[in-house]
Amino acid sequence: MCRSSEAELAVRSIGRKEFNRLFPYTDELTPFIGKGVEWFTDDARSAVGIIGRSPSQPAWRYAVLKRSQFGDFKVAHLGEALADLPTTRDECQRAVAAAECEPTAGAHEVVVPQAEPALEVQQKPWGSLALVVLILAADVVTIGIVVLLVHHWR
């Protein structure tokens, strides 16, 4: 539910450990925002924000990620380079709050300038369920064979 007047209040600062529990692959964002120093989430934990800075550049950057319909996080917004941390923090928190109001389909890949590497956003393939079922079936067969061998050798 989107609460436009309360949206900014719904965003809270979180630690790196909590951020890593929500989005464990933070190094994927390093080429775009630098090393993360501050992390945020909304009350529903459906959107997260990270602020970072590259040691080689004085500018602060941020990224906002929103959960897709599959439960994965997609990049919803990459912030522009800003000179000071408080302004970056305010913009990141507003962007996280705004992500709550965007439909899930609004989460998209971000077009990145040619100078930076392309950000790959992955979705879970539907074939992965079949693979999991096949692996479980093979495990059951293997356990059955081991049980039969142990029973036969007694």
Protein backbone atom coordinates (compact mmCIF):
# COMPACT_ATOMS: atom_id res chain seq x y z
CA MET A 1 0.00 0.00 0.00
CA CYS A 2 1.39 3.36 -1.00
CA ARG A 3 1.22 6.12 1.60
CA SER A 4 2.40 9.22 -0.19
CA SER A 5 2.40 11.52 2.85
CA GLU A 6 4.02 8.96 5.15
CA ALA A 7 6.30 7.38 2.53
CA GLU A 8 9.47 9.12 3.67
CA LEU A 9 8.81 8.15 7.29
CA ALA A 10 8.49 4.49 6.26
CA VAL A 11 12.15 4.36 5.17
CA ARG A 12 14.70 3.46 7.82
CA SER A 13 18.43 3.06 7.98
CA ILE A 14 19.72 -0.50 8.32
CA GLY A 15 23.13 -2.05 8.90
CA ARG A 16 25.21 -3.91 6.36
CA LYS A 17 24.30 -7.30 7.86
CA GLU A 18 20.57 -6.71 7.44
CA PHE A 19 21.12 -5.35 3.93
CA ASN A 20 23.15 -8.46 3.04
CA ARG A 21 20.29 -10.66 4.31
CA LEU A 22 17.91 -8.84 1.98
CA PHE A 23 20.28 -8.50 -0.99
CA PRO A 24 23.39 -10.67 -0.51
CA TYR A 25 25.26 -9.74 -3.72
CA THR A 26 26.18 -6.11 -3.04
CA ASP A 27 29.45 -6.29 -4.99
CA GLU A 28 27.42 -6.28 -8.22
CA LEU A 29 26.64 -2.63 -7.56
CA THR A 30 30.22 -1.55 -6.82
CA PRO A 31 31.03 -0.55 -10.44
CA PHE A 32 28.05 1.83 -10.40
CA ILE A 33 28.06 3.37 -6.95
CA GLY A 34 31.37 2.39 -5.36
CA LYS A 35 31.73 0.68 -1.99
CA GLY A 36 28.53 0.82 0.08
CA VAL A 37 28.60 2.88 3.25
CA GLU A 38 24.90 3.34 4.13
CA TRP A 39 21.86 1.10 3.59
CA PHE A 40 18.10 1.67 3.80
CA THR A 41 14.83 -0.24 3.46
CA ASP A 42 11.12 0.49 3.58
CA ASP A 43 8.86 -1.01 6.25
CA ALA A 44 7.67 -3.75 3.90
CA ARG A 45 11.29 -4.60 3.02
CA SER A 46 10.23 -4.57 -0.63
CA ALA A 47 12.69 -1.83 -1.60
CA VAL A 48 16.26 -1.24 -0.48
CA GLY A 49 18.72 1.56 -1.04
CA ILE A 50 22.50 1.68 -0.85
CA ILE A 51 24.80 4.70 -0.83
CA GLY A 52 28.39 4.34 -1.91
CA ARG A 53 31.47 6.14 -3.08
CA SER A 54 34.41 5.05 -5.16
CA PRO A 55 37.80 5.82 -3.58
CA SER A 56 38.93 7.32 -6.89
CA GLN A 57 35.98 9.76 -7.15
CA PRO A 58 34.76 12.33 -4.62
CA ALA A 59 31.08 11.98 -5.63
CA TRP A 60 28.46 9.98 -3.74
CA ARG A 61 26.06 7.70 -5.64
CA TYR A 62 23.12 5.54 -4.69
CA ALA A 63 21.04 2.68 -6.03
CA VAL A 64 17.48 1.65 -5.19
CA LEU A 65 16.37 -1.94 -5.72
CA LYS A 66 12.80 -3.23 -5.63
CA ARG A 67 11.54 -6.80 -5.33
CA SER A 68 10.21 -8.32 -8.53
CA GLN A 69 7.20 -10.63 -8.72
CA PHE A 70 9.67 -13.52 -8.29
CA GLY A 71 11.08 -12.08 -5.05
CA ASP A 72 14.41 -11.03 -6.56
CA PHE A 73 15.61 -7.45 -6.35
CA LYS A 74 15.74 -5.42 -9.56
CA VAL A 75 17.46 -2.06 -9.97
CA ALA A 76 14.69 0.53 -9.85
CA HIS A 77 16.85 3.66 -9.79
CA LEU A 78 20.50 4.70 -9.97
CA GLY A 79 21.16 8.12 -8.47
CA GLU A 80 23.36 10.75 -10.07
CA ALA A 81 26.73 11.63 -8.59
CA LEU A 82 26.28 14.12 -5.75
CA ALA A 83 28.85 16.17 -3.87
CA ASP A 84 27.74 15.66 -0.27
CA LEU A 85 26.51 12.71 1.78
CA PRO A 86 23.47 14.37 3.46
CA THR A 87 21.95 15.33 0.09
CA THR A 88 22.64 11.84 -1.26
CA ARG A 89 21.06 10.30 1.85
CA ASP A 90 17.89 12.43 1.44
CA GLU A 91 17.57 11.58 -2.26
CA CYS A 92 18.16 7.87 -1.64
CA GLN A 93 15.52 7.76 1.11
CA ARG A 94 13.02 9.57 -1.13
CA ALA A 95 13.75 7.14 -3.97
CA VAL A 96 13.26 4.12 -1.67
CA ALA A 97 9.95 5.59 -0.48
CA ALA A 98 8.89 6.29 -4.08
CA ALA A 99 9.71 2.70 -5.07
CA GLU A 100 6.93 1.59 -2.71
CA CYS A 101 4.46 3.53 -4.86
CA GLU A 102 5.69 2.09 -8.16
CA PRO A 103 4.14 -1.12 -9.45
CA THR A 104 6.40 -4.17 -9.35
CA ALA A 105 6.52 -4.19 -13.13
CA GLY A 106 8.10 -0.72 -12.89
CA ALA A 107 11.35 -2.26 -11.65
CA HIS A 108 13.58 -2.33 -14.69
CA GLU A 109 17.08 -2.52 -15.99
CA VAL A 110 18.85 0.78 -15.92
CA VAL A 111 20.51 2.09 -19.07
CA VAL A 112 24.07 2.83 -18.04
CA PRO A 113 26.45 5.12 -19.97
CA GLN A 114 28.92 3.31 -22.27
CA ALA A 115 31.87 4.13 -19.99
CA GLU A 116 30.50 1.88 -17.23
CA PRO A 117 29.95 -1.90 -17.42
CA ALA A 118 26.41 -3.10 -18.07
CA LEU A 119 24.45 -4.17 -15.01
CA GLU A 120 23.07 -7.66 -15.43
CA VAL A 121 19.72 -8.23 -13.79
CA GLN A 122 18.80 -11.88 -13.55
CA GLN A 123 15.45 -13.54 -13.21
CA LYS A 124 14.99 -17.06 -11.99
CA PRO A 125 14.48 -19.32 -15.00
CA TRP A 126 11.34 -21.44 -14.97
CA GLY A 127 13.47 -24.49 -15.83
CA SER A 128 15.17 -24.27 -12.42
CA LEU A 129 12.17 -25.96 -10.77
CA ALA A 130 12.54 -28.95 -13.08
CA LEU A 131 16.26 -29.09 -12.28
CA VAL A 132 15.58 -29.09 -8.54
CA VAL A 133 13.04 -31.90 -8.95
CA LEU A 134 15.54 -33.96 -10.97
CA ILE A 135 18.26 -33.45 -8.36
CA LEU A 136 15.90 -34.48 -5.56
CA ALA A 137 14.81 -37.57 -7.53
CA ALA A 138 18.46 -38.54 -8.07
CA ASP A 139 19.12 -38.09 -4.33
CA VAL A 140 16.17 -40.35 -3.47
CA VAL A 141 17.41 -43.04 -5.88
CA THR A 142 20.94 -42.81 -4.46
CA ILE A 143 19.67 -43.13 -0.88
CA GLY A 144 17.52 -46.09 -1.92
CA ILE A 145 20.51 -47.87 -3.47
CA VAL A 146 22.64 -47.25 -0.37
CA VAL A 147 19.86 -48.58 1.90
CA LEU A 148 19.48 -51.71 -0.27
CA LEU A 149 23.25 -52.34 -0.25
CA VAL A 150 23.51 -51.90 3.50
CA HIS A 151 20.50 -54.18 4.03
CA HIS A 152 21.96 -56.80 1.64
CA TRP A 153 25.38 -56.86 3.38
CA ARG A 154 23.91 -57.47 6.85
